[in-house]
Amino acid sequence: MTDTVRSTDRYEKQRAVPRYSFVATIELTDPVHAIRLTGRVTEISRYGCYVDTLNTFPVGTLLHLEISCDQGKFNTKARIVYIHAGIGMGIAFTDTAENQMRVLESWLSALPATAEI
């Protein structure tokens, strides 16, 4: 069993809120190394999201993210929780400003209950 798999197992067991299918573009920036990646959000919750991207940051990387969709933009700090090399990564939101949390909550409240994963 690899570290990536163990990290994923721990994260899935810790989920306290529902995840929803959600499609949006995302820009991830590692401010320490001045690296920027783009990808596609495929799942989202109040506390994080999953991003499809060929390139990933290492687990634990602290970054800034911006999710863009038809309903606007959501900006927050985040941390990489787990990776699936060449596929994508799980991201936890951290230190989210109150006004940005309202944006996220409005998106989640608009998602159909059947979208829950």
N, C-alpha and C. Protein backbone atom coordinates (compact mmCIF):
# COMPACT_ATOMS: atom_id res chain seq x y z
N MET A 1 0.84 -1.18 0.00
CA MET A 1 0.00 0.00 0.00
C MET A 1 0.89 1.24 0.00
N THR A 2 0.63 2.19 -0.89
CA THR A 2 1.44 3.40 -0.98
C THR A 2 0.93 4.46 -0.01
N ASP A 3 1.77 5.48 0.22
CA ASP A 3 1.36 6.58 1.07
C ASP A 3 0.14 7.29 0.50
N THR A 4 0.06 7.39 -0.83
CA THR A 4 -1.07 8.06 -1.45
C THR A 4 -2.36 7.33 -1.11
N VAL A 5 -2.37 6.02 -1.19
CA VAL A 5 -3.58 5.26 -0.89
C VAL A 5 -3.95 5.41 0.58
N ARG A 6 -2.98 5.27 1.48
CA ARG A 6 -3.28 5.41 2.91
C ARG A 6 -3.83 6.80 3.21
N SER A 7 -3.26 7.83 2.60
CA SER A 7 -3.74 9.19 2.82
C SER A 7 -5.18 9.32 2.34
N THR A 8 -5.49 8.75 1.18
CA THR A 8 -6.84 8.79 0.65
C THR A 8 -7.81 8.09 1.58
N ASP A 9 -7.45 6.90 2.07
CA ASP A 9 -8.32 6.16 2.98
C ASP A 9 -8.63 6.98 4.22
N ARG A 10 -7.62 7.61 4.82
CA ARG A 10 -7.83 8.42 6.02
C ARG A 10 -8.78 9.57 5.72
N TYR A 11 -8.58 10.24 4.60
CA TYR A 11 -9.39 11.40 4.25
C TYR A 11 -10.84 10.99 4.05
N GLU A 12 -11.09 9.91 3.33
CA GLU A 12 -12.46 9.48 3.08
C GLU A 12 -13.18 9.13 4.37
N LYS A 13 -12.49 8.56 5.34
CA LYS A 13 -13.11 8.21 6.61
C LYS A 13 -13.42 9.44 7.43
N GLN A 14 -12.73 10.56 7.19
CA GLN A 14 -12.90 11.76 7.98
C GLN A 14 -13.96 12.71 7.42
N ARG A 15 -14.56 12.42 6.29
CA ARG A 15 -15.52 13.35 5.69
C ARG A 15 -16.72 13.53 6.62
N ALA A 16 -16.99 14.77 6.95
CA ALA A 16 -18.08 15.08 7.86
C ALA A 16 -19.25 15.76 7.15
N VAL A 17 -19.04 16.15 5.90
CA VAL A 17 -20.09 16.84 5.14
C VAL A 17 -20.21 16.18 3.77
N PRO A 18 -21.38 16.33 3.14
CA PRO A 18 -21.55 15.72 1.82
C PRO A 18 -20.69 16.38 0.75
N ARG A 19 -20.30 15.56 -0.23
CA ARG A 19 -19.62 16.05 -1.43
C ARG A 19 -20.65 16.07 -2.55
N TYR A 20 -20.47 16.98 -3.48
CA TYR A 20 -21.39 17.12 -4.60
C TYR A 20 -20.62 17.11 -5.92
N SER A 21 -21.25 16.55 -6.94
CA SER A 21 -20.69 16.68 -8.29
C SER A 21 -20.75 18.16 -8.65
N PHE A 22 -19.67 18.65 -9.21
CA PHE A 22 -19.58 20.08 -9.50
C PHE A 22 -18.51 20.25 -10.56
N VAL A 23 -18.78 21.02 -11.59
CA VAL A 23 -17.80 21.23 -12.65
C VAL A 23 -17.47 22.71 -12.72
N ALA A 24 -16.18 23.01 -12.59
CA ALA A 24 -15.70 24.39 -12.67
C ALA A 24 -14.21 24.36 -12.97
N THR A 25 -13.67 25.47 -13.39
CA THR A 25 -12.23 25.56 -13.61
C THR A 25 -11.58 26.05 -12.31
N ILE A 26 -10.32 25.67 -12.14
CA ILE A 26 -9.59 26.06 -10.93
C ILE A 26 -8.18 26.46 -11.31
N GLU A 27 -7.68 27.47 -10.62
CA GLU A 27 -6.28 27.86 -10.74
C GLU A 27 -5.67 27.73 -9.36
N LEU A 28 -4.58 26.97 -9.27
CA LEU A 28 -3.88 26.71 -8.02
C LEU A 28 -2.52 27.36 -8.08
N THR A 29 -2.15 28.10 -7.04
CA THR A 29 -0.86 28.78 -7.01
C THR A 29 -0.12 28.42 -5.74
N ASP A 30 1.10 27.92 -5.90
CA ASP A 30 2.00 27.68 -4.79
C ASP A 30 2.84 28.94 -4.65
N PRO A 31 2.54 29.79 -3.65
CA PRO A 31 3.25 31.07 -3.55
C PRO A 31 4.73 30.93 -3.18
N VAL A 32 5.09 29.87 -2.51
CA VAL A 32 6.49 29.67 -2.09
C VAL A 32 7.39 29.42 -3.29
N HIS A 33 6.91 28.59 -4.22
CA HIS A 33 7.72 28.22 -5.38
C HIS A 33 7.27 28.91 -6.67
N ALA A 34 6.29 29.80 -6.57
CA ALA A 34 5.76 30.54 -7.73
C ALA A 34 5.36 29.60 -8.87
N ILE A 35 4.65 28.53 -8.51
CA ILE A 35 4.17 27.56 -9.49
C ILE A 35 2.65 27.69 -9.58
N ARG A 36 2.15 27.68 -10.81
CA ARG A 36 0.72 27.79 -11.03
C ARG A 36 0.25 26.60 -11.87
N LEU A 37 -0.84 25.97 -11.44
CA LEU A 37 -1.47 24.87 -12.18
C LEU A 37 -2.93 25.21 -12.41
N THR A 38 -3.48 24.66 -13.48
CA THR A 38 -4.91 24.77 -13.72
C THR A 38 -5.49 23.38 -13.79
N GLY A 39 -6.78 23.28 -13.55
CA GLY A 39 -7.45 21.99 -13.61
C GLY A 39 -8.95 22.17 -13.62
N ARG A 40 -9.63 21.06 -13.37
CA ARG A 40 -11.09 21.07 -13.37
C ARG A 40 -11.60 20.48 -12.07
N VAL A 41 -12.42 21.23 -11.36
CA VAL A 41 -13.07 20.72 -10.15
C VAL A 41 -14.16 19.75 -10.59
N THR A 42 -14.20 18.57 -9.96
CA THR A 42 -15.25 17.59 -10.28
C THR A 42 -16.14 17.28 -9.09
N GLU A 43 -15.65 17.56 -7.87
CA GLU A 43 -16.43 17.36 -6.65
C GLU A 43 -16.13 18.52 -5.72
N ILE A 44 -17.13 18.90 -4.92
CA ILE A 44 -16.92 20.00 -3.99
C ILE A 44 -17.74 19.77 -2.72
N SER A 45 -17.25 20.32 -1.62
CA SER A 45 -17.98 20.31 -0.36
C SER A 45 -17.68 21.62 0.35
N ARG A 46 -18.22 21.76 1.53
CA ARG A 46 -17.97 22.97 2.32
C ARG A 46 -16.50 23.09 2.71
N TYR A 47 -15.79 21.97 2.78
CA TYR A 47 -14.43 21.98 3.29
C TYR A 47 -13.35 21.67 2.27
N GLY A 48 -13.72 21.35 1.03
CA GLY A 48 -12.69 21.04 0.06
C GLY A 48 -13.25 20.63 -1.28
N CYS A 49 -12.35 20.18 -2.15
CA CYS A 49 -12.77 19.78 -3.49
C CYS A 49 -11.80 18.75 -4.05
N TYR A 50 -12.20 18.13 -5.16
CA TYR A 50 -11.31 17.24 -5.90
C TYR A 50 -11.06 17.89 -7.25
N VAL A 51 -9.79 17.88 -7.67
CA VAL A 51 -9.38 18.53 -8.91
C VAL A 51 -8.79 17.50 -9.86
N ASP A 52 -9.32 17.44 -11.06
CA ASP A 52 -8.72 16.63 -12.13
C ASP A 52 -7.60 17.45 -12.74
N THR A 53 -6.39 16.92 -12.71
CA THR A 53 -5.24 17.58 -13.33
C THR A 53 -4.13 16.55 -13.50
N LEU A 54 -3.43 16.62 -14.60
CA LEU A 54 -2.33 15.67 -14.85
C LEU A 54 -1.17 15.91 -13.91
N ASN A 55 -0.88 17.16 -13.61
CA ASN A 55 0.23 17.51 -12.71
C ASN A 55 -0.35 17.80 -11.33
N THR A 56 0.36 17.36 -10.30
CA THR A 56 -0.12 17.58 -8.94
C THR A 56 0.98 18.20 -8.09
N PHE A 57 0.56 18.82 -7.00
CA PHE A 57 1.49 19.30 -5.99
C PHE A 57 1.68 18.18 -4.97
N PRO A 58 2.77 18.18 -4.22
CA PRO A 58 2.95 17.17 -3.17
C PRO A 58 1.91 17.32 -2.05
N VAL A 59 1.59 16.22 -1.39
CA VAL A 59 0.70 16.24 -0.24
C VAL A 59 1.28 17.21 0.79
N GLY A 60 0.40 18.04 1.37
CA GLY A 60 0.81 19.01 2.37
C GLY A 60 1.11 20.39 1.84
N THR A 61 1.22 20.54 0.52
CA THR A 61 1.52 21.84 -0.07
C THR A 61 0.43 22.84 0.28
N LEU A 62 0.84 24.00 0.75
CA LEU A 62 -0.09 25.10 1.03
C LEU A 62 -0.15 25.98 -0.20
N LEU A 63 -1.35 26.38 -0.59
CA LEU A 63 -1.49 27.16 -1.81
C LEU A 63 -2.68 28.07 -1.75
N HIS A 64 -2.83 28.86 -2.79
CA HIS A 64 -4.00 29.70 -2.98
C HIS A 64 -4.76 29.14 -4.16
N LEU A 65 -6.10 29.15 -4.08
CA LEU A 65 -6.87 28.66 -5.22
C LEU A 65 -7.97 29.63 -5.58
N GLU A 66 -8.36 29.56 -6.85
CA GLU A 66 -9.48 30.33 -7.35
C GLU A 66 -10.32 29.39 -8.21
N ILE A 67 -11.56 29.18 -7.80
CA ILE A 67 -12.51 28.37 -8.57
C ILE A 67 -13.42 29.33 -9.32
N SER A 68 -13.56 29.10 -10.62
CA SER A 68 -14.42 29.94 -11.46
C SER A 68 -15.51 29.10 -12.09
N CYS A 69 -16.72 29.61 -12.03
CA CYS A 69 -17.85 28.95 -12.72
C CYS A 69 -18.84 30.04 -13.11
N ASP A 70 -19.97 29.63 -13.70
CA ASP A 70 -20.97 30.60 -14.15
C ASP A 70 -21.44 31.51 -13.02
N GLN A 71 -21.43 31.01 -11.79
CA GLN A 71 -21.94 31.77 -10.65
C GLN A 71 -20.90 32.71 -10.04
N GLY A 72 -19.71 32.80 -10.60
CA GLY A 72 -18.70 33.71 -10.07
C GLY A 72 -17.40 33.02 -9.72
N LYS A 73 -16.71 33.59 -8.71
CA LYS A 73 -15.39 33.08 -8.31
C LYS A 73 -15.34 32.89 -6.81
N PHE A 74 -14.58 31.86 -6.41
CA PHE A 74 -14.34 31.55 -5.00
C PHE A 74 -12.84 31.50 -4.80
N ASN A 75 -12.32 32.27 -3.85
CA ASN A 75 -10.90 32.33 -3.55
C ASN A 75 -10.65 31.93 -2.11
N THR A 76 -9.62 31.12 -1.87
CA THR A 76 -9.25 30.76 -0.52
C THR A 76 -7.85 30.18 -0.49
N LYS A 77 -7.31 30.04 0.71
CA LYS A 77 -6.09 29.28 0.91
C LYS A 77 -6.50 27.82 1.02
N ALA A 78 -5.55 26.92 0.73
CA ALA A 78 -5.88 25.50 0.73
C ALA A 78 -4.62 24.67 0.99
N ARG A 79 -4.85 23.38 1.19
CA ARG A 79 -3.76 22.42 1.43
C ARG A 79 -4.07 21.14 0.66
N ILE A 80 -3.05 20.56 0.03
CA ILE A 80 -3.22 19.29 -0.67
C ILE A 80 -3.32 18.18 0.37
N VAL A 81 -4.41 17.41 0.31
CA VAL A 81 -4.66 16.35 1.29
C VAL A 81 -4.22 14.99 0.76
N TYR A 82 -4.50 14.72 -0.50
CA TYR A 82 -4.06 13.47 -1.11
C TYR A 82 -3.94 13.66 -2.61
N ILE A 83 -3.16 12.78 -3.24
CA ILE A 83 -2.99 12.85 -4.69
C ILE A 83 -3.24 11.48 -5.32
N HIS A 84 -3.65 11.53 -6.56
CA HIS A 84 -3.70 10.37 -7.45
C HIS A 84 -2.81 10.78 -8.62
N ALA A 85 -1.57 10.31 -8.63
CA ALA A 85 -0.58 10.75 -9.62
C ALA A 85 -1.13 10.63 -11.04
N GLY A 86 -1.00 11.72 -11.80
CA GLY A 86 -1.44 11.74 -13.19
C GLY A 86 -2.94 11.84 -13.37
N ILE A 87 -3.69 11.93 -12.26
CA ILE A 87 -5.16 11.98 -12.33
C ILE A 87 -5.71 13.23 -11.66
N GLY A 88 -5.30 13.45 -10.40
CA GLY A 88 -5.84 14.60 -9.69
C GLY A 88 -5.45 14.60 -8.23
N MET A 89 -6.12 15.48 -7.46
CA MET A 89 -5.78 15.61 -6.05
C MET A 89 -6.96 16.13 -5.24
N GLY A 90 -6.96 15.74 -3.97
CA GLY A 90 -7.95 16.22 -3.02
C GLY A 90 -7.39 17.42 -2.28
N ILE A 91 -8.21 18.45 -2.14
CA ILE A 91 -7.77 19.71 -1.56
C ILE A 91 -8.70 20.11 -0.43
N ALA A 92 -8.12 20.52 0.69
CA ALA A 92 -8.88 21.04 1.82
C ALA A 92 -8.77 22.55 1.85
N PHE A 93 -9.90 23.24 2.00
CA PHE A 93 -9.90 24.69 2.10
C PHE A 93 -9.44 25.08 3.51
N THR A 94 -8.63 26.14 3.61
CA THR A 94 -8.17 26.63 4.91
C THR A 94 -8.28 28.14 4.96
N ASP A 95 -8.51 28.68 6.12
CA ASP A 95 -8.53 30.13 6.33
C ASP A 95 -9.41 30.86 5.31
N THR A 96 -10.60 30.33 5.06
CA THR A 96 -11.50 30.95 4.09
C THR A 96 -12.16 32.18 4.69
N ALA A 97 -12.07 33.30 3.99
CA ALA A 97 -12.71 34.55 4.44
C ALA A 97 -14.23 34.38 4.44
N GLU A 98 -14.88 35.10 5.33
CA GLU A 98 -16.35 34.98 5.48
C GLU A 98 -17.08 35.29 4.18
N ASN A 99 -16.67 36.32 3.46
CA ASN A 99 -17.35 36.65 2.20
C ASN A 99 -17.17 35.54 1.16
N GLN A 100 -16.03 34.86 1.18
CA GLN A 100 -15.80 33.77 0.25
C GLN A 100 -16.60 32.53 0.67
N MET A 101 -16.75 32.33 1.97
CA MET A 101 -17.56 31.21 2.45
C MET A 101 -19.02 31.40 2.01
N ARG A 102 -19.50 32.63 1.99
CA ARG A 102 -20.86 32.89 1.52
C ARG A 102 -21.00 32.52 0.04
N VAL A 103 -19.97 32.80 -0.76
CA VAL A 103 -19.99 32.41 -2.18
C VAL A 103 -20.11 30.90 -2.29
N LEU A 104 -19.26 30.18 -1.56
CA LEU A 104 -19.28 28.72 -1.60
C LEU A 104 -20.62 28.17 -1.15
N GLU A 105 -21.15 28.69 -0.05
CA GLU A 105 -22.44 28.22 0.47
C GLU A 105 -23.55 28.46 -0.53
N SER A 106 -23.50 29.56 -1.26
CA SER A 106 -24.54 29.82 -2.27
C SER A 106 -24.45 28.80 -3.40
N TRP A 107 -23.24 28.41 -3.78
CA TRP A 107 -23.09 27.39 -4.81
C TRP A 107 -23.64 26.06 -4.33
N LEU A 108 -23.26 25.67 -3.11
CA LEU A 108 -23.69 24.38 -2.58
C LEU A 108 -25.21 24.32 -2.42
N SER A 109 -25.81 25.41 -1.97
CA SER A 109 -27.26 25.40 -1.77
C SER A 109 -28.02 25.30 -3.09
N ALA A 110 -27.38 25.68 -4.18
CA ALA A 110 -28.02 25.61 -5.50
C ALA A 110 -27.88 24.25 -6.16
N LEU A 111 -27.03 23.38 -5.60
CA LEU A 111 -26.83 22.07 -6.20
C LEU A 111 -27.97 21.13 -5.82
N PRO A 112 -28.42 20.32 -6.76
CA PRO A 112 -29.51 19.39 -6.44
C PRO A 112 -29.05 18.32 -5.45
N ALA A 113 -29.96 17.91 -4.58
CA ALA A 113 -29.64 16.90 -3.59
C ALA A 113 -29.16 15.61 -4.24
N THR A 114 -29.61 15.32 -5.45
CA THR A 114 -29.19 14.10 -6.13
C THR A 114 -27.74 14.16 -6.58
N ALA A 115 -27.14 15.35 -6.50
CA ALA A 115 -25.74 15.49 -6.91
C ALA A 115 -24.79 15.03 -5.81
N GLU A 116 -25.32 14.76 -4.61
CA GLU A 116 -24.46 14.34 -3.51
C GLU A 116 -23.80 13.01 -3.83
N ILE A 117 -22.52 12.92 -3.49
CA ILE A 117 -21.75 11.71 -3.76
C ILE A 117 -21.52 10.96 -2.47
